[in-house]
Amino acid sequence: MARKVLRVGIAGQGRSGYDIHAHWLRRVPKQYQIVAVADLLPARRAQAKREFGCRTYKTYQQLAADPDLDLFVNATPSHLHPKAAICALKVGHHVVCEKPLAVKVRDFDAMVAAARAARRVLAPFQNSRFNPFFRKMQEVIASGVLGRVLHVRITFSGFARRWDWQTRQEYWGGNLNNTGPHPVDHAVMLFGPRKPRVFCRMASQVGSSGDADDFCVLTLHGPGSPVVEVEVSSYRAFPAAHSYVINGQFGSLVHEGDRLRWKFYDPAAAPKQRLMPGWSQDRQYCHEKLPWQEKTWRPRATKLTPFETYSRGFYDNVHGVLTGGEKLVVTPAQVRRQIQVLEECHRQNRLPRRKR
């Protein structure tokens, strides 16, 4: 594609479509131009026409039928993600799709098949993959200073009550489907290339006016991979001291506040010890002085908010893919493993549906 400025249509002008996608795309006119939007609400269509000077449509189907698009951004409500993405792919648009792309593998595979048949790009909007802290974590792990990673704990929790559409199962609401794709994406990346075994407990409690989960704790485990725990709960009144804890053979890494901190030792520089042939010496536990090293890291100062930083990284990558032959950083194959986890979590926790 020779065109440098990509013409974008955004399906949905809610929190994500307007506050995240449109918010960023209008800031980078040398890469993207918002030429059309779709939304069911007349007031939102009028706002888009006024602010973006673009064409407006009521439905995602009408937007997909617009031939003057290079990229279709699927920010429809969660339960419409597969249908809207497939609709746009079949008519020949490249697609960015919000999370969760699907909650069943078969629906996700249908999206990928549609992209392959149309020879178009399906770019999963896992924008938190571009979190500078997560990228630095991966760099530290890859350096080997922590040794083999044994255990990871990720906490995306707080205390909040909700009563909007994302508390309803019929719209694929709930903590796991709404917030969960961010930490679960990180979890499967940290787990490694193998398919994880999953243990999960979910519940819908008094803090939710709907019937979807507002408490979710899951564990990924399997031979040769670390045990990875994820908590996405609306019932944590005291924030976790560390949103990420990574424990390896030779040390640990934590994310606390505005920094990463990791502590480790070089096993080659550690005292040489032998297994005691008898009982403990002087009735004492083993003790030694290890050559600990400690490092900290903070991201480079920027005026961008975290969401803007993630959007910049994601959309820079998509622009490079569509105009310069780059490869997707977040691939459908990676996200498929996330969808497998989501589906298994829901299979293990059949929550009752409440009548409205």
Protein backbone atom coordinates (compact mmCIF):
# COMPACT_ATOMS: atom_id res chain seq x y z
CA MET A 1 0.00 0.00 0.00
CA ALA A 2 1.62 3.21 -1.18
CA ARG A 3 -0.61 5.58 0.76
CA LYS A 4 1.14 6.89 3.90
CA VAL A 5 -1.96 8.34 5.61
CA LEU A 6 -4.42 5.55 6.34
CA ARG A 7 -8.14 6.28 6.12
CA VAL A 8 -9.87 4.92 9.22
CA GLY A 9 -13.46 4.05 10.05
CA ILE A 10 -14.28 3.49 13.73
CA ALA A 11 -17.23 1.28 14.64
CA GLY A 12 -18.44 2.45 18.05
CA GLN A 13 -17.94 5.76 19.80
CA GLY A 14 -18.14 4.66 23.42
CA ARG A 15 -15.39 4.61 26.02
CA SER A 16 -12.99 2.72 23.79
CA GLY A 17 -13.96 3.96 20.34
CA TYR A 18 -13.90 7.62 21.33
CA ASP A 19 -11.70 7.90 24.44
CA ILE A 20 -8.95 5.54 23.27
CA HIS A 21 -8.97 4.98 19.50
CA ALA A 22 -10.28 8.31 18.20
CA HIS A 23 -8.41 10.14 20.96
CA TRP A 24 -5.09 8.85 19.65
CA LEU A 25 -5.76 8.65 15.91
CA ARG A 26 -6.70 12.32 15.67
CA ARG A 27 -3.31 13.17 17.22
CA VAL A 28 -1.30 11.53 14.44
CA PRO A 29 -2.59 13.06 11.17
CA LYS A 30 0.59 12.08 9.33
CA GLN A 31 -0.34 8.43 9.89
CA TYR A 32 -4.13 8.27 10.14
CA GLN A 33 -7.24 10.20 9.16
CA ILE A 34 -10.63 9.40 10.69
CA VAL A 35 -12.94 9.50 7.68
CA ALA A 36 -16.00 7.69 9.06
CA VAL A 37 -17.57 6.41 12.27
CA ALA A 38 -20.59 4.33 13.20
CA ASP A 39 -22.67 4.53 16.35
CA LEU A 40 -26.27 3.78 17.25
CA LEU A 41 -26.66 7.04 19.21
CA PRO A 42 -27.49 10.14 17.11
CA ALA A 43 -25.70 12.46 19.56
CA ARG A 44 -22.45 10.56 19.13
CA ARG A 45 -22.75 10.63 15.34
CA ALA A 46 -23.33 14.38 15.47
CA GLN A 47 -20.30 14.84 17.71
CA ALA A 48 -18.10 12.81 15.35
CA LYS A 49 -19.24 14.83 12.34
CA ARG A 50 -18.55 18.04 14.22
CA GLU A 51 -15.17 17.08 15.67
CA PHE A 52 -13.71 14.88 12.92
CA GLY A 53 -15.51 16.25 9.87
CA CYS A 54 -16.21 12.66 8.86
CA ARG A 55 -19.01 10.57 7.40
CA THR A 56 -21.29 8.90 9.93
CA TYR A 57 -23.33 5.70 9.93
CA LYS A 58 -25.74 4.10 12.35
CA THR A 59 -24.49 0.51 12.14
CA TYR A 60 -21.16 -1.25 11.77
CA GLN A 61 -22.55 -2.99 8.66
CA GLN A 62 -23.06 0.38 6.97
CA LEU A 63 -19.56 1.45 7.95
CA ALA A 64 -18.07 -1.77 6.62
CA ALA A 65 -19.78 -1.13 3.29
CA ASP A 66 -17.90 2.16 2.91
CA PRO A 67 -15.31 1.50 0.16
CA ASP A 68 -13.14 4.47 1.09
CA LEU A 69 -11.47 2.87 4.13
CA ASP A 70 -8.02 1.43 4.65
CA LEU A 71 -8.63 0.34 8.23
CA PHE A 72 -11.76 -0.66 10.16
CA VAL A 73 -11.45 -0.20 13.94
CA ASN A 74 -13.85 -2.54 15.70
CA ALA A 75 -14.83 -0.86 18.97
CA THR A 76 -18.34 -2.26 19.08
CA PRO A 77 -19.71 -3.80 22.31
CA SER A 78 -17.79 -6.96 23.22
CA HIS A 79 -20.38 -9.51 22.09
CA LEU A 80 -20.31 -8.05 18.56
CA HIS A 81 -16.54 -8.25 18.08
CA PRO A 82 -16.45 -11.46 15.99
CA LYS A 83 -19.43 -10.53 13.78
CA ALA A 84 -18.26 -6.97 13.11
CA ALA A 85 -14.67 -8.01 12.42
CA ILE A 86 -15.71 -10.76 9.99
CA CYS A 87 -18.12 -8.39 8.25
CA ALA A 88 -15.36 -5.84 7.66
CA LEU A 89 -12.77 -8.42 6.64
CA LYS A 90 -15.07 -10.02 4.07
CA VAL A 91 -15.51 -6.72 2.22
CA GLY A 92 -11.76 -6.18 2.14
CA HIS A 93 -10.82 -3.93 5.06
CA HIS A 94 -7.88 -4.42 7.38
CA VAL A 95 -9.22 -4.67 10.93
CA VAL A 96 -8.12 -3.57 14.38
CA CYS A 97 -10.32 -5.37 16.91
CA GLU A 98 -10.85 -4.46 20.54
CA LYS A 99 -10.51 -7.02 23.29
CA PRO A 100 -11.82 -9.54 23.99
CA LEU A 101 -11.71 -10.54 20.36
CA ALA A 102 -13.82 -13.55 21.30
CA VAL A 103 -14.63 -15.73 24.30
CA LYS A 104 -14.64 -19.00 22.35
CA VAL A 105 -11.81 -20.33 20.23
CA ARG A 106 -14.16 -21.30 17.40
CA ASP A 107 -15.29 -17.68 17.00
CA PHE A 108 -11.71 -16.46 17.09
CA ASP A 109 -10.66 -19.03 14.49
CA ALA A 110 -13.50 -17.84 12.23
CA MET A 111 -12.12 -14.29 12.45
CA VAL A 112 -8.62 -15.47 11.55
CA ALA A 113 -9.98 -17.55 8.67
CA ALA A 114 -11.86 -14.52 7.32
CA ALA A 115 -8.66 -12.44 7.46
CA ARG A 116 -6.69 -15.15 5.69
CA ALA A 117 -9.34 -15.57 2.96
CA ALA A 118 -9.47 -11.82 2.35
CA ARG A 119 -5.68 -11.46 2.56
CA ARG A 120 -6.16 -8.73 5.12
CA VAL A 121 -4.56 -7.95 8.49
CA LEU A 122 -6.42 -8.73 11.70
CA ALA A 123 -4.67 -6.74 14.46
CA PRO A 124 -5.76 -7.60 18.01
CA PHE A 125 -5.92 -4.44 20.14
CA GLN A 126 -3.90 -5.77 23.07
CA ASN A 127 -2.49 -2.31 23.68
CA SER A 128 -1.04 -3.10 27.12
CA ARG A 129 1.58 -5.26 25.37
CA PHE A 130 3.22 -1.89 24.67
CA ASN A 131 3.36 -1.02 28.38
CA PRO A 132 7.00 0.10 28.96
CA PHE A 133 7.08 -1.75 32.28
CA PHE A 134 6.03 -5.03 30.67
CA ARG A 135 8.57 -4.65 27.88
CA LYS A 136 11.31 -4.03 30.44
CA MET A 137 10.19 -7.07 32.46
CA GLN A 138 10.60 -9.23 29.37
CA GLU A 139 14.04 -7.74 28.79
CA VAL A 140 15.18 -8.50 32.34
CA ILE A 141 13.85 -12.06 32.15
CA ALA A 142 15.55 -12.61 28.79
CA SER A 143 18.87 -11.41 30.24
CA GLY A 144 18.92 -14.48 32.47
CA VAL A 145 19.83 -12.67 35.71
CA LEU A 146 16.77 -14.13 37.47
CA GLY A 147 17.47 -17.63 36.19
CA ARG A 148 14.50 -19.76 35.20
CA VAL A 149 11.25 -18.07 36.18
CA LEU A 150 9.33 -20.22 38.65
CA HIS A 151 6.36 -18.09 39.68
CA VAL A 152 4.51 -14.98 38.53
CA ARG A 153 1.72 -13.10 40.29
CA ILE A 154 -0.26 -10.38 38.47
CA THR A 155 -2.85 -8.28 40.29
CA PHE A 156 -5.29 -6.04 38.40
CA SER A 157 -7.70 -5.42 41.27
CA GLY A 158 -9.36 -2.65 43.24
CA PHE A 159 -12.66 -2.02 44.98
CA ALA A 160 -15.51 -0.83 42.80
CA ARG A 161 -19.20 -1.47 42.23
CA ARG A 162 -20.62 -1.38 38.68
CA TRP A 163 -24.08 -1.28 37.15
CA ASP A 164 -23.41 -0.77 33.42
CA TRP A 165 -23.69 -3.12 30.44
CA GLN A 166 -20.32 -4.69 31.20
CA THR A 167 -21.84 -6.42 34.24
CA ARG A 168 -24.09 -8.57 32.00
CA GLN A 169 -23.18 -11.97 30.61
CA GLU A 170 -25.29 -11.48 27.47
CA TYR A 171 -22.92 -8.69 26.41
CA TRP A 172 -19.77 -10.65 27.40
CA GLY A 173 -19.31 -8.47 30.45
CA GLY A 174 -17.45 -9.21 33.66
CA ASN A 175 -13.98 -8.64 35.03
CA LEU A 176 -12.38 -11.49 33.11
CA ASN A 177 -13.67 -10.38 29.69
CA ASN A 178 -13.33 -6.64 30.30
CA THR A 179 -10.12 -6.10 32.32
CA GLY A 180 -8.82 -9.65 32.16
CA PRO A 181 -7.50 -9.64 28.56
CA HIS A 182 -4.73 -7.23 29.65
CA PRO A 183 -3.21 -9.33 32.48
CA VAL A 184 -4.09 -12.64 30.80
CA ASP A 185 -2.25 -11.53 27.66
CA HIS A 186 0.80 -10.77 29.81
CA ALA A 187 0.31 -14.04 31.68
CA VAL A 188 0.38 -16.26 28.59
CA MET A 189 3.43 -14.40 27.28
CA LEU A 190 5.26 -14.92 30.57
CA PHE A 191 4.07 -18.54 30.76
CA GLY A 192 5.83 -19.38 27.53
CA PRO A 193 4.91 -21.10 24.26
CA ARG A 194 3.24 -24.19 25.75
CA LYS A 195 -0.52 -24.50 26.16
CA PRO A 196 -1.22 -23.92 29.86
CA ARG A 197 -3.41 -25.90 32.17
CA VAL A 198 -5.93 -23.60 33.79
CA PHE A 199 -7.53 -23.46 37.23
CA CYS A 200 -10.01 -20.65 37.82
CA ARG A 201 -12.59 -19.46 40.30
CA MET A 202 -15.05 -16.71 39.39
CA ALA A 203 -18.05 -15.21 41.14
CA SER A 204 -20.66 -12.49 40.75
CA GLN A 205 -21.21 -10.76 44.08
CA VAL A 206 -23.23 -7.85 45.49
CA GLY A 207 -20.92 -5.25 43.91
CA SER A 208 -22.28 -6.03 40.45
CA SER A 209 -25.81 -5.16 39.40
CA GLY A 210 -25.56 -7.66 36.55
CA ASP A 211 -24.82 -11.37 36.44
CA ALA A 212 -21.25 -11.40 35.07
CA ASP A 213 -18.19 -12.03 37.21
CA ASP A 214 -16.72 -9.29 39.36
CA PHE A 215 -14.25 -11.62 41.10
CA CYS A 216 -11.80 -13.78 39.19
CA VAL A 217 -8.60 -15.58 40.21
CA LEU A 218 -6.90 -17.93 37.77
CA THR A 219 -3.72 -19.98 37.69
CA LEU A 220 -1.79 -21.15 34.64
CA HIS A 221 0.49 -24.13 35.18
CA GLY A 222 2.18 -26.93 33.32
CA PRO A 223 5.48 -28.83 32.97
CA GLY A 224 8.46 -26.68 32.06
CA SER A 225 6.65 -23.36 32.60
CA PRO A 226 6.26 -21.03 35.57
CA VAL A 227 3.14 -21.03 37.70
CA VAL A 228 1.33 -17.79 36.76
CA GLU A 229 -1.45 -16.36 38.94
CA VAL A 230 -3.82 -13.58 37.85
CA GLU A 231 -6.24 -11.75 40.13
CA VAL A 232 -8.93 -9.49 38.65
CA SER A 233 -11.16 -8.65 41.59
CA SER A 234 -13.48 -5.78 42.44
CA TYR A 235 -13.15 -6.62 46.16
CA ARG A 236 -9.62 -5.50 47.04
CA ALA A 237 -10.02 -2.46 49.30
CA PHE A 238 -6.28 -2.31 50.01
CA PRO A 239 -4.22 -2.11 46.82
CA ALA A 240 -1.59 -4.75 46.20
CA ALA A 241 1.94 -3.64 47.14
CA HIS A 242 3.19 -5.01 43.82
CA SER A 243 1.03 -5.39 40.72
CA TYR A 244 3.62 -7.80 39.28
CA VAL A 245 5.86 -10.22 41.19
CA ILE A 246 8.25 -12.45 39.22
CA ASN A 247 10.26 -15.03 41.15
CA GLY A 248 13.18 -16.87 39.55
CA GLN A 249 15.99 -19.21 40.56
CA PHE A 250 18.40 -16.40 41.37
CA GLY A 251 16.15 -13.51 42.38
CA SER A 252 12.90 -11.59 41.98
CA LEU A 253 11.45 -8.63 40.10
CA VAL A 254 8.55 -6.45 41.24
CA HIS A 255 6.56 -3.57 39.80
CA GLU A 256 5.90 -1.00 42.48
CA GLY A 257 4.49 2.45 41.82
CA ASP A 258 6.46 4.16 39.06
CA ARG A 259 9.38 1.74 38.93
CA LEU A 260 10.60 -1.82 38.46
CA ARG A 261 12.95 -3.26 41.04
CA TRP A 262 14.84 -6.52 40.76
CA LYS A 263 17.22 -8.27 43.13
CA PHE A 264 19.44 -11.17 42.10
CA TYR A 265 22.75 -12.90 42.66
CA ASP A 266 25.29 -14.50 40.36
CA PRO A 267 25.43 -18.23 41.25
CA ALA A 268 29.06 -18.39 40.05
CA ALA A 269 30.01 -15.82 42.71
CA ALA A 270 28.03 -17.46 45.54
CA PRO A 271 29.65 -19.53 48.30
CA LYS A 272 30.07 -23.22 47.44
CA GLN A 273 27.99 -25.41 49.71
CA ARG A 274 27.78 -29.17 50.23
CA LEU A 275 24.91 -31.21 51.58
CA MET A 276 25.48 -31.86 55.31
CA PRO A 277 26.06 -35.57 56.00
CA GLY A 278 24.35 -35.44 59.41
CA TRP A 279 22.04 -33.20 61.40
CA SER A 280 21.95 -29.43 61.26
CA GLN A 281 25.00 -27.66 62.61
CA ASP A 282 24.50 -26.16 66.11
CA ARG A 283 20.72 -26.60 65.76
CA GLN A 284 20.67 -23.72 63.24
CA TYR A 285 19.01 -23.22 59.91
CA CYS A 286 21.40 -22.89 56.99
CA HIS A 287 22.60 -19.34 56.53
CA GLU A 288 25.05 -17.62 54.21
CA LYS A 289 25.80 -14.23 52.73
CA LEU A 290 24.89 -14.11 49.07
CA PRO A 291 26.38 -11.50 46.69
CA TRP A 292 23.08 -9.72 46.08
CA GLN A 293 22.74 -7.07 43.40
CA GLU A 294 19.77 -4.74 43.12
CA LYS A 295 18.64 -2.58 40.22
CA THR A 296 15.76 -0.22 39.54
CA TRP A 297 14.27 1.18 36.36
CA ARG A 298 11.81 3.91 35.52
CA PRO A 299 10.46 4.66 32.05
CA ARG A 300 11.58 7.80 30.30
CA ALA A 301 9.49 10.80 31.29
CA THR A 302 6.72 11.64 28.84
CA LYS A 303 3.69 13.89 28.70
CA LEU A 304 1.61 11.00 27.41
CA THR A 305 -0.82 9.14 29.68
CA PRO A 306 -0.34 5.37 29.98
CA PHE A 307 -3.20 4.72 27.53
CA GLU A 308 -1.69 7.19 25.06
CA THR A 309 1.68 5.47 25.36
CA TYR A 310 0.12 2.08 24.67
CA SER A 311 -1.90 3.49 21.74
CA ARG A 312 1.18 5.07 20.22
CA GLY A 313 3.11 1.81 20.30
CA PHE A 314 0.21 -0.19 18.92
CA TYR A 315 -0.77 2.17 16.12
CA ASP A 316 2.84 2.87 15.13
CA ASN A 317 3.18 -0.89 14.66
CA VAL A 318 -0.06 -1.21 12.65
CA HIS A 319 0.96 1.68 10.41
CA GLY A 320 4.32 0.02 9.82
CA VAL A 321 2.61 -3.27 8.98
CA LEU A 322 0.21 -1.72 6.47
CA THR A 323 2.65 0.70 4.81
CA GLY A 324 6.16 -0.58 5.43
CA GLY A 325 6.10 -4.35 5.58
CA GLU A 326 6.64 -4.63 9.32
CA LYS A 327 5.30 -7.58 11.33
CA LEU A 328 2.60 -7.40 13.97
CA VAL A 329 3.96 -7.27 17.51
CA VAL A 330 0.70 -8.74 18.85
CA THR A 331 -0.13 -11.69 16.63
CA PRO A 332 -3.42 -13.58 16.31
CA ALA A 333 -1.58 -16.80 17.19
CA GLN A 334 -0.52 -15.32 20.53
CA VAL A 335 -4.01 -14.01 21.27
CA ARG A 336 -5.55 -17.39 20.42
CA ARG A 337 -3.82 -18.81 23.52
CA GLN A 338 -5.44 -16.05 25.58
CA ILE A 339 -8.87 -16.94 24.17
CA GLN A 340 -8.25 -20.58 25.12
CA VAL A 341 -7.69 -19.46 28.70
CA LEU A 342 -10.81 -17.25 28.76
CA GLU A 343 -12.96 -20.06 27.39
CA GLU A 344 -11.64 -22.56 29.91
CA CYS A 345 -12.21 -20.14 32.80
CA HIS A 346 -15.83 -19.70 31.76
CA ARG A 347 -16.23 -23.46 31.29
CA GLN A 348 -15.11 -24.08 34.87
CA ASN A 349 -17.42 -21.37 36.27
CA ARG A 350 -20.96 -21.52 34.91
CA LEU A 351 -22.45 -18.47 36.57
CA PRO A 352 -26.26 -18.29 36.83
CA ARG A 353 -27.97 -15.76 34.62
CA ARG A 354 -30.23 -13.21 36.27
CA LYS A 355 -33.43 -11.93 34.75
CA ARG A 356 -33.49 -8.21 34.12
